[in-house]
């Protein structure tokens, strides 16, 4: 048998061979998306949410309540003011409950209607809508923006780009200023800005938050939703086949194809989709909803408005793209049947749990006693006085959670003949706390040696129903 000669490969042969393989980038190449404006019922709702959320964010910081800012998170004084409510460090459980309520609300909305929060109320969505509106006003519609970017650098192009970015930067800085205004009284902060006497942390956070708004909503846009937001990755864990999602009705739309408005597409063997591409052009993340549900879809419903507009022009029934469920598509449910399955045990449990937490929290807040007391016994040994009494010294940290000056009486009980030897009435300004030294005496022989339980009672003189009872111990020497 003849032997097949073995070819000796050189380094050059190996290098030439490696060039035949296609290189694959670790990251997808970014292509700028030029979303087309979509007008319709869902678009109006989205803009209503934009106005609502921004009026709350920008407006609430300027509201006053009891001669102070209505909503202020005073980290220096360790007090949060939320209208008539003053939250102290000891009340942070309420902020924890607020986060739990927000999380459960997000789970409920997602289970019922997918990325409802993302499409309508997420700050990234809201500010992207605002920034894209500015872009359309300055540079024109989709085609005008594409021509401008593809064209040569001219004075007009530079002026339009400068104007757009200047407005974006202004919105970003005003957003950062408002954000810091919830931690530093905003009227005081405005005065510091006007004379430029801002502190280093205030300056940092105004520019940091402003830059984040400018960068995320102006430059990164859909990349934040696709690559940076963790919600896009774990949302599917909350979906099931009865979750309402933005869906393309392939059974009705296929086979797609262009046609004249006067042609009966059913007789021509076509579906309702005319393959115009509007659903892709209006999508802020640049996906094609006709390829099925994708994690990049933020549920903004722009494709629904865009497609319904085309269906109306063609004289077709709207809803080729719409909110529906996987079960409804598979089994041909009517709208009533679909909504019955939307309100299934899973969503009802979420709803019941959410409202239970809200009602319980609201009830506790309404009945919260606006007085808090912490008692610390002095480490010194008990002392026997010349008058035949044994005394212990305590420090009472009394916190007045109301925003008015209050007088409090301090009483003690638990041992026969026990009394407070110093002044037992104290005044505390509104929304402040004060350490009050208290000397307690008992007659010699009225209690056994060692530790004896006693009780302090602190009562509001202006409102006797506001009262706090705290336990303590009285030490009697052996």
Protein backbone atom coordinates (compact mmCIF):
# COMPACT_ATOMS: atom_id res chain seq x y z
CA UNK A 1 0.00 0.00 0.00
CA UNK A 2 1.32 3.42 -0.98
CA UNK A 3 1.90 5.75 1.92
CA UNK A 4 0.23 9.15 1.82
CA UNK A 5 2.81 11.85 2.33
CA UNK A 6 2.22 14.00 5.43
CA UNK A 7 2.26 17.69 4.68
CA UNK A 8 4.40 19.84 6.94
CA UNK A 9 2.51 23.05 7.87
CA UNK A 10 4.48 26.20 8.45
CA UNK A 11 3.51 29.09 10.73
CA UNK A 12 2.45 31.03 7.64
CA UNK A 13 0.05 28.24 6.58
CA UNK A 14 -1.52 28.19 10.03
CA UNK A 15 -1.92 31.98 10.04
CA UNK A 16 -3.50 31.94 6.56
CA UNK A 17 -5.87 29.18 7.64
CA UNK A 18 -6.98 31.07 10.77
CA UNK A 19 -8.02 34.05 8.64
CA UNK A 20 -10.71 31.91 7.05
CA UNK A 21 -12.69 31.83 10.31
CA UNK A 22 -15.23 34.58 10.95
CA UNK A 23 -14.43 36.81 13.88
CA UNK A 24 -17.25 37.29 16.37
CA UNK A 25 -17.36 40.31 18.63
CA UNK A 26 -17.96 39.86 22.31
CA UNK A 27 -20.47 42.72 22.26
CA UNK A 28 -23.17 43.48 19.71
CA UNK A 29 -22.36 46.46 17.53
CA UNK A 30 -24.63 49.35 18.43
CA UNK A 31 -26.73 50.91 15.69
CA UNK A 32 -28.46 54.18 16.47
CA UNK A 33 -32.23 53.86 16.60
CA UNK A 34 -34.44 56.59 15.18
CA UNK A 35 -37.89 55.96 16.69
CA UNK A 36 -40.81 57.25 14.71
CA UNK A 37 -43.54 59.04 16.64
CA UNK A 38 -46.67 56.97 17.26
CA UNK A 39 -49.97 58.64 18.06
CA UNK A 40 -52.83 56.75 19.59
CA UNK A 41 -54.72 55.80 22.72
CA UNK A 42 -51.74 54.19 24.44
CA UNK A 43 -49.46 57.10 23.54
CA UNK A 44 -51.85 59.51 25.24
CA UNK A 45 -51.83 57.40 28.38
CA UNK A 46 -48.03 57.25 28.31
CA UNK A 47 -47.75 61.02 28.07
CA UNK A 48 -50.35 61.43 30.81
CA UNK A 49 -48.07 59.36 33.06
CA UNK A 50 -45.08 61.48 31.98
CA UNK A 51 -46.88 64.65 33.07
CA UNK A 52 -48.20 63.06 36.26
CA UNK A 53 -44.86 61.67 37.46
CA UNK A 54 -42.90 64.81 36.62
CA UNK A 55 -45.41 67.16 38.23
CA UNK A 56 -45.05 65.09 41.40
CA UNK A 57 -41.25 64.94 41.23
CA UNK A 58 -40.56 68.55 40.27
CA UNK A 59 -43.52 70.10 42.13
CA UNK A 60 -43.57 68.31 45.49
CA UNK A 61 -40.13 69.65 46.44
CA UNK A 62 -41.54 73.21 46.41
CA UNK A 63 -44.56 72.51 48.63
CA UNK A 64 -44.59 73.83 52.21
CA UNK A 65 -46.13 72.23 55.28
CA UNK A 66 -46.09 73.71 58.81
CA UNK A 67 -43.55 76.38 57.78
CA UNK A 68 -41.15 73.80 56.35
CA UNK A 69 -40.68 71.80 53.17
CA UNK A 70 -43.49 69.27 52.83
CA UNK A 71 -41.24 66.37 51.80
CA UNK A 72 -37.69 66.53 53.11
CA UNK A 73 -35.23 63.78 53.95
CA UNK A 74 -32.99 65.55 56.44
CA UNK A 75 -30.08 63.14 56.76
CA UNK A 76 -28.09 65.54 58.97
CA UNK A 77 -30.83 65.71 61.59
CA UNK A 78 -31.77 62.05 60.93
CA UNK A 79 -35.43 62.95 60.33
CA UNK A 80 -37.67 62.43 57.32
CA UNK A 81 -40.58 64.82 56.84
CA UNK A 82 -43.44 63.57 54.66
CA UNK A 83 -46.18 66.19 54.90
CA UNK A 84 -47.56 65.85 58.46
CA UNK A 85 -45.53 62.74 59.21
CA UNK A 86 -42.12 62.89 60.91
CA UNK A 87 -40.10 59.68 60.61
CA UNK A 88 -37.24 59.14 63.04
CA UNK A 89 -34.50 56.51 62.80
CA UNK A 90 -36.62 54.32 65.07
CA UNK A 91 -39.42 54.49 62.46
CA UNK A 92 -37.39 53.19 59.55
CA UNK A 93 -39.52 50.07 59.61
CA UNK A 94 -42.12 52.15 57.75
CA UNK A 95 -39.66 52.83 54.94
CA UNK A 96 -38.94 49.12 54.79
CA UNK A 97 -42.67 48.43 54.51
CA UNK A 98 -42.86 51.04 51.74
CA UNK A 99 -40.19 49.16 49.79
CA UNK A 100 -42.08 45.89 50.34
CA UNK A 101 -45.28 47.51 49.04
CA UNK A 102 -43.41 48.82 45.97
CA UNK A 103 -41.93 45.39 45.26
CA UNK A 104 -45.28 43.62 45.63
CA UNK A 105 -46.92 46.22 43.38
CA UNK A 106 -44.27 45.59 40.74
CA UNK A 107 -44.81 41.82 41.01
CA UNK A 108 -48.58 42.29 40.70
CA UNK A 109 -48.37 44.59 37.68
CA UNK A 110 -45.91 42.26 35.99
CA UNK A 111 -48.04 39.18 36.61
CA UNK A 112 -51.13 40.92 35.23
CA UNK A 113 -49.75 42.93 32.33
CA UNK A 114 -46.03 42.26 31.87
CA UNK A 115 -43.71 45.26 31.86
CA UNK A 116 -46.46 47.75 32.56
CA UNK A 117 -44.23 49.77 34.88
CA UNK A 118 -41.41 49.86 32.32
CA UNK A 119 -43.65 51.08 29.54
CA UNK A 120 -45.37 53.88 31.40
CA UNK A 121 -43.79 54.95 34.70
CA UNK A 122 -40.14 53.87 34.77
CA UNK A 123 -37.87 56.95 35.06
CA UNK A 124 -35.80 55.67 32.13
CA UNK A 125 -38.92 55.51 29.95
CA UNK A 126 -40.24 58.85 31.17
CA UNK A 127 -37.03 60.80 30.61
CA UNK A 128 -36.36 59.08 27.30
CA UNK A 129 -39.80 60.24 26.13
CA UNK A 130 -38.99 63.80 27.23
CA UNK A 131 -35.57 63.79 25.58
CA UNK A 132 -36.94 62.31 22.33
CA UNK A 133 -39.63 65.01 22.29
CA UNK A 134 -36.91 67.65 22.56
CA UNK A 135 -34.98 65.89 19.77
CA UNK A 136 -38.01 65.92 17.46
CA UNK A 137 -38.70 69.59 18.16
CA UNK A 138 -35.11 70.60 17.43
CA UNK A 139 -34.02 68.22 14.64
CA UNK A 140 -37.34 67.19 13.08
CA UNK A 141 -39.06 63.87 12.48
CA UNK A 142 -37.43 60.48 11.96
CA UNK A 143 -36.43 61.01 8.33
CA UNK A 144 -35.09 64.50 9.05
CA UNK A 145 -32.92 63.19 11.88
CA UNK A 146 -31.56 60.39 9.73
CA UNK A 147 -30.69 62.83 6.93
CA UNK A 148 -29.09 65.22 9.40
CA UNK A 149 -26.84 62.54 10.89
CA UNK A 150 -25.89 61.13 7.48
CA UNK A 151 -25.14 64.54 6.02
CA UNK A 152 -21.89 66.50 6.16
CA UNK A 153 -20.91 68.69 9.09
CA UNK A 154 -22.38 72.12 8.47
CA UNK A 155 -23.09 75.19 10.60
CA UNK A 156 -26.79 74.25 10.67
CA UNK A 157 -26.00 70.73 11.83
CA UNK A 158 -23.68 71.98 14.57
CA UNK A 159 -26.21 74.56 15.76
CA UNK A 160 -29.03 71.99 15.90
CA UNK A 161 -26.87 69.48 17.75
CA UNK A 162 -25.66 72.14 20.19
CA UNK A 163 -29.22 73.33 20.87
CA UNK A 164 -30.46 69.80 21.47
CA UNK A 165 -27.67 68.88 23.85
CA UNK A 166 -27.91 72.23 25.67
CA UNK A 167 -31.61 71.61 26.36
CA UNK A 168 -30.84 68.02 27.40
CA UNK A 169 -28.12 69.23 29.77
CA UNK A 170 -30.49 71.83 31.22
CA UNK A 171 -33.16 69.20 31.91
CA UNK A 172 -30.54 66.92 33.44
CA UNK A 173 -29.16 69.61 35.75
CA UNK A 174 -32.63 70.72 36.81
CA UNK A 175 -33.44 67.09 37.58
CA UNK A 176 -30.26 66.77 39.65
CA UNK A 177 -31.05 70.04 41.45
CA UNK A 178 -34.57 68.83 42.27
CA UNK A 179 -33.25 65.48 43.49
CA UNK A 180 -30.82 67.15 45.90
CA UNK A 181 -33.66 69.51 46.93
CA UNK A 182 -35.33 66.58 48.69
CA UNK A 183 -32.30 66.26 51.00
CA UNK A 184 -31.34 69.94 51.36
CA UNK A 185 -34.27 72.41 51.69
CA UNK A 186 -34.81 73.42 48.09
CA UNK A 187 -35.32 77.15 48.76
CA UNK A 188 -32.04 77.23 50.66
CA UNK A 189 -30.41 75.17 47.91
CA UNK A 190 -31.60 77.61 45.24
CA UNK A 191 -30.01 80.48 47.17
CA UNK A 192 -26.74 78.55 47.34
CA UNK A 193 -26.86 77.91 43.58
CA UNK A 194 -27.52 81.58 42.77
CA UNK A 195 -24.46 82.76 44.74
CA UNK A 196 -22.56 79.51 44.10
CA UNK A 197 -21.89 78.57 47.70
CA UNK A 198 -22.83 74.91 47.30
CA UNK A 199 -21.18 72.37 49.52
CA UNK A 200 -19.04 69.64 47.93
CA UNK A 201 -21.63 66.87 48.35
CA UNK A 202 -24.47 69.00 47.01
CA UNK A 203 -22.34 69.94 43.99
CA UNK A 204 -21.35 66.32 43.39
CA UNK A 205 -24.90 64.94 43.51
CA UNK A 206 -26.43 67.69 41.36
CA UNK A 207 -23.91 67.07 38.61
CA UNK A 208 -23.83 63.29 39.06
CA UNK A 209 -27.61 62.89 38.92
CA UNK A 210 -27.83 65.43 36.11
CA UNK A 211 -25.15 63.64 34.10
CA UNK A 212 -26.86 60.28 34.70
CA UNK A 213 -30.16 61.68 33.42
CA UNK A 214 -28.46 63.25 30.41
CA UNK A 215 -26.47 60.13 29.59
CA UNK A 216 -29.18 57.54 30.16
CA UNK A 217 -32.05 59.33 28.45
CA UNK A 218 -30.07 61.16 25.78
CA UNK A 219 -27.36 58.74 24.74
CA UNK A 220 -27.86 55.23 26.09
CA UNK A 221 -31.65 55.00 25.93
CA UNK A 222 -32.60 51.47 24.88
CA UNK A 223 -29.20 50.12 25.97
CA UNK A 224 -30.14 50.78 29.61
CA UNK A 225 -33.27 48.65 29.18
CA UNK A 226 -31.54 45.91 27.18
CA UNK A 227 -28.21 45.53 28.96
CA UNK A 228 -28.18 47.40 32.29
CA UNK A 229 -31.62 46.93 33.83
CA UNK A 230 -31.83 43.63 35.78
CA UNK A 231 -35.62 43.66 35.56
CA UNK A 232 -35.43 42.76 31.88
CA UNK A 233 -33.63 39.55 32.82
CA UNK A 234 -35.81 38.21 35.62
CA UNK A 235 -39.20 39.47 34.44
CA UNK A 236 -39.94 36.12 32.78
CA UNK A 237 -40.01 34.50 36.23
CA UNK A 238 -43.21 36.46 36.93
CA UNK A 239 -44.84 35.74 33.55
CA UNK A 240 -47.17 32.86 32.82
CA UNK A 241 -49.49 31.98 29.95
CA UNK A 242 -52.25 34.24 31.32
CA UNK A 243 -50.08 37.38 31.55
CA UNK A 244 -51.15 40.20 29.25
CA UNK A 245 -48.29 41.10 26.92
CA UNK A 246 -47.87 43.11 23.73
CA UNK A 247 -48.42 40.41 21.10
CA UNK A 248 -48.58 40.15 17.31
CA UNK A 249 -51.49 38.02 16.07
CA UNK A 250 -49.60 35.83 13.63
CA UNK A 251 -52.68 33.75 12.77
CA UNK A 252 -54.39 36.87 11.49
CA UNK A 253 -51.36 38.69 10.12
CA UNK A 254 -49.59 35.95 8.15
CA UNK A 255 -48.66 35.58 5.42
CA UNK A 256 -47.65 39.21 5.39
CA UNK A 257 -47.06 41.22 2.25
CA UNK A 258 -47.60 44.58 0.61
CA UNK A 259 -50.79 45.19 -1.34
CA UNK A 260 -53.13 47.87 -2.63
CA UNK A 261 -55.78 49.21 -0.29
CA UNK A 262 -58.48 48.16 -2.76
CA UNK A 263 -57.43 44.49 -2.88
CA UNK A 264 -59.30 41.90 -0.81
CA UNK A 265 -56.28 40.46 0.96
CA UNK A 266 -58.12 37.31 2.00
CA UNK A 267 -58.90 36.41 -1.58
CA UNK A 268 -55.28 37.14 -2.47
CA UNK A 269 -54.16 34.64 0.15
CA UNK A 270 -52.55 37.27 2.38
CA UNK A 271 -52.81 38.11 6.05
CA UNK A 272 -53.69 41.48 7.55
CA UNK A 273 -50.02 42.52 7.95
CA UNK A 274 -48.96 44.67 4.99
CA UNK A 275 -45.29 44.43 6.03
CA UNK A 276 -44.96 48.22 6.29
CA UNK A 277 -42.43 48.02 9.13
CA UNK A 278 -44.15 50.73 11.18
CA UNK A 279 -44.11 48.53 14.27
CA UNK A 280 -40.31 48.37 14.02
CA UNK A 281 -39.86 52.05 13.20
CA UNK A 282 -41.79 53.26 16.26
CA UNK A 283 -40.11 50.79 18.68
CA UNK A 284 -37.68 52.60 21.02
CA UNK A 285 -35.59 49.42 21.39
CA UNK A 286 -35.61 48.59 17.66
CA UNK A 287 -37.13 45.10 17.88
CA UNK A 288 -39.67 43.47 15.59
CA UNK A 289 -42.63 42.39 17.70
CA UNK A 290 -43.68 40.05 14.88
CA UNK A 291 -40.78 37.79 15.88
CA UNK A 292 -42.56 37.06 19.17
CA UNK A 293 -42.14 38.31 22.73
CA UNK A 294 -38.55 39.38 23.46
CA UNK A 295 -36.92 40.51 26.67
CA UNK A 296 -35.96 43.80 24.98
CA UNK A 297 -39.66 44.73 24.72
CA UNK A 298 -40.43 47.34 27.40
CA UNK A 299 -44.19 47.17 26.87
CA UNK A 300 -44.40 50.80 25.73
CA UNK A 301 -47.20 49.84 23.26
CA UNK A 302 -45.91 52.21 20.57
CA UNK A 303 -46.18 49.32 18.09
CA UNK A 304 -49.88 48.92 18.95
CA UNK A 305 -50.61 52.58 18.19
CA UNK A 306 -48.50 52.50 15.02
CA UNK A 307 -50.13 49.31 13.71
CA UNK A 308 -53.66 50.44 14.58
CA UNK A 309 -53.08 53.62 12.62
CA UNK A 310 -52.06 51.58 9.56
CA UNK A 311 -55.03 49.22 9.99
CA UNK A 312 -57.34 52.24 10.12
CA UNK A 313 -55.85 53.64 6.91
CA UNK A 314 -56.22 50.31 5.17
CA UNK A 315 -59.78 49.90 6.39
CA UNK A 316 -58.89 46.78 8.40
CA UNK A 317 -59.96 45.84 11.90
CA UNK A 318 -57.52 47.16 14.54
CA UNK A 319 -55.78 44.92 17.04
CA UNK A 320 -53.34 43.06 14.82
CA UNK A 321 -50.86 43.96 17.57
CA UNK A 322 -52.41 44.29 21.00
CA UNK A 323 -52.53 43.22 24.62
CA UNK A 324 -53.41 39.54 24.91
CA UNK A 325 -52.26 36.36 26.61
CA UNK A 326 -50.61 33.20 25.35
CA UNK A 327 -53.59 31.09 26.39
CA UNK A 328 -55.97 33.47 24.60
CA UNK A 329 -53.95 33.17 21.40
CA UNK A 330 -53.73 29.38 21.59
CA UNK A 331 -57.35 28.70 22.53
CA UNK A 332 -59.11 31.61 20.83
CA UNK A 333 -60.59 33.07 24.02
CA UNK A 334 -62.99 35.96 23.85
CA UNK A 335 -62.08 39.18 25.61
CA UNK A 336 -64.30 38.27 28.57
CA UNK A 337 -62.73 34.81 28.88
CA UNK A 338 -59.24 36.27 28.68
CA UNK A 339 -59.90 38.82 31.47
CA UNK A 340 -61.41 36.14 33.70
CA UNK A 341 -58.16 34.20 33.49
CA UNK A 342 -56.11 37.36 34.09
CA UNK A 343 -57.70 37.64 37.55
CA UNK A 344 -56.55 34.19 38.58
CA UNK A 345 -55.55 32.94 42.07
CA UNK A 346 -51.97 34.16 41.65
CA UNK A 347 -52.98 37.77 40.99
CA UNK A 348 -55.73 37.68 43.61
CA UNK A 349 -53.25 36.50 46.25
CA UNK A 350 -50.82 39.28 45.28
CA UNK A 351 -53.66 41.82 45.45
CA UNK A 352 -54.97 40.60 48.81
CA UNK A 353 -51.47 40.54 50.31
CA UNK A 354 -50.68 43.99 48.96
CA UNK A 355 -53.87 45.58 50.29
CA UNK A 356 -53.50 43.84 53.64
CA UNK A 357 -50.03 45.35 54.10
CA UNK A 358 -51.25 48.78 52.97
CA UNK A 359 -54.27 48.78 55.31
CA UNK A 360 -52.30 47.50 58.30
CA UNK A 361 -49.51 50.04 57.73
CA UNK A 362 -51.98 52.90 57.31
CA UNK A 363 -53.81 51.87 60.48
CA UNK A 364 -50.59 51.72 62.48
CA UNK A 365 -49.51 55.12 61.17
CA UNK A 366 -52.86 56.70 62.01
CA UNK A 367 -52.73 55.36 65.56
CA UNK A 368 -49.03 55.98 66.04
CA UNK A 369 -48.23 57.69 69.34
CA UNK A 370 -46.24 60.87 68.51
CA UNK A 371 -44.04 60.37 71.55
CA UNK A 372 -41.06 58.08 71.98
CA UNK A 373 -39.04 57.44 75.12
CA UNK A 374 -35.80 55.56 75.72
CA UNK A 375 -34.63 55.02 79.31
CA UNK A 376 -31.02 54.45 80.34
CA UNK A 377 -30.13 53.92 83.98
CA UNK A 378 -26.99 55.66 85.20
CA UNK A 379 -24.13 53.20 85.73
CA UNK A 380 -23.35 54.62 89.16
CA UNK A 381 -24.20 52.67 92.28
CA UNK A 382 -27.43 53.56 94.10
CA UNK A 383 -26.96 56.09 96.89
CA UNK A 384 -28.54 56.29 100.33
CA UNK A 385 -29.36 59.91 101.14
CA UNK A 386 -29.19 61.61 104.56
CA UNK A 387 -32.99 61.87 104.61
CA UNK A 388 -33.39 58.07 104.56
CA UNK A 389 -34.05 57.51 100.87
CA UNK A 390 -32.34 55.38 98.24
CA UNK A 391 -31.97 57.08 94.86
CA UNK A 392 -31.20 55.94 91.32
CA UNK A 393 -30.45 58.29 88.43
CA UNK A 394 -31.86 57.76 84.90
CA UNK A 395 -31.56 59.49 81.58
CA UNK A 396 -34.82 59.69 79.62
CA UNK A 397 -34.42 60.39 75.90
CA UNK A 398 -37.81 61.91 75.06
CA UNK A 399 -38.68 62.49 71.41
CA UNK A 400 -41.54 64.80 70.49
CA UNK A 401 -42.72 63.53 67.09
CA UNK A 402 -45.26 66.34 66.74
CA UNK A 403 -44.33 69.67 65.17
CA UNK A 404 -45.41 71.82 68.10
CA UNK A 405 -44.02 72.59 71.53
CA UNK A 406 -45.31 70.12 74.09
CA UNK A 407 -45.06 69.78 77.86
CA UNK A 408 -44.73 66.33 79.38
CA UNK A 409 -45.16 65.05 82.94
CA UNK A 410 -42.95 62.22 84.16
CA UNK A 411 -44.29 59.84 86.79
CA UNK A 412 -42.91 56.62 88.24
CA UNK A 413 -44.55 53.63 89.95
CA UNK A 414 -43.86 50.05 91.03
CA UNK A 415 -42.49 50.44 94.59
CA UNK A 416 -44.36 51.86 97.60
CA UNK A 417 -43.36 55.45 98.26
CA UNK A 418 -41.39 55.81 95.01
CA UNK A 419 -41.16 59.35 93.66
CA UNK A 420 -39.18 61.67 91.40
CA UNK A 421 -37.11 64.07 93.46
CA UNK A 422 -36.35 66.63 90.75
CA UNK A 423 -38.71 68.50 88.41
CA UNK A 424 -41.04 66.06 86.69
CA UNK A 425 -42.32 68.45 84.00
CA UNK A 426 -40.34 69.02 80.83
CA UNK A 427 -40.92 71.04 77.65
CA UNK A 428 -39.69 69.77 74.29
CA UNK A 429 -39.83 71.67 71.01
CA UNK A 430 -41.61 70.20 68.01
CA UNK A 431 -39.85 67.43 66.05
CA UNK A 432 -36.91 67.33 68.45
CA UNK A 433 -35.63 65.09 71.20
CA UNK A 434 -34.07 65.89 74.52
CA UNK A 435 -32.13 63.96 77.16
CA UNK A 436 -33.77 64.53 80.54
CA UNK A 437 -31.95 63.49 83.79
CA UNK A 438 -34.37 62.03 86.33
CA UNK A 439 -33.59 61.19 90.00
CA UNK A 440 -35.88 58.54 91.51
CA UNK A 441 -36.11 57.92 95.29
CA UNK A 442 -37.67 55.24 97.47
CA UNK A 443 -37.81 55.01 101.29
CA UNK A 444 -35.23 52.72 102.86
CA UNK A 445 -36.77 49.31 103.48
CA UNK A 446 -39.62 49.71 100.97
CA UNK A 447 -38.07 47.24 98.51
CA UNK A 448 -35.91 44.15 98.64
CA UNK A 449 -32.19 44.37 97.94
CA UNK A 450 -31.27 43.85 94.32
CA UNK A 451 -33.16 44.64 91.14
CA UNK A 452 -36.77 45.82 91.38
CA UNK A 453 -39.08 46.48 88.45
CA UNK A 454 -40.52 49.99 88.10
CA UNK A 455 -42.48 51.80 85.38
CA UNK A 456 -42.11 55.32 84.00
CA UNK A 457 -45.19 57.08 82.65
CA UNK A 458 -44.66 60.07 80.34
CA UNK A 459 -47.84 61.97 79.47
CA UNK A 460 -48.53 64.92 77.18
CA UNK A 461 -50.06 67.70 79.29
CA UNK A 462 -51.82 69.22 76.25
CA UNK A 463 -53.30 65.87 75.21
CA UNK A 464 -53.47 63.38 78.11
CA UNK A 465 -54.35 60.56 75.71
CA UNK A 466 -50.78 60.69 74.38
CA UNK A 467 -48.97 58.60 76.92
CA UNK A 468 -46.02 56.21 76.93
CA UNK A 469 -45.20 53.59 79.58
CA UNK A 470 -41.67 52.25 79.76
CA UNK A 471 -40.21 49.60 82.06
CA UNK A 472 -37.00 50.07 84.03
CA UNK A 473 -35.25 48.61 87.09
CA UNK A 474 -34.45 50.18 90.43
CA UNK A 475 -31.38 48.85 92.25
CA UNK A 476 -31.39 48.60 96.01
CA UNK A 477 -28.00 48.04 97.67
CA UNK A 478 -27.49 44.98 99.86
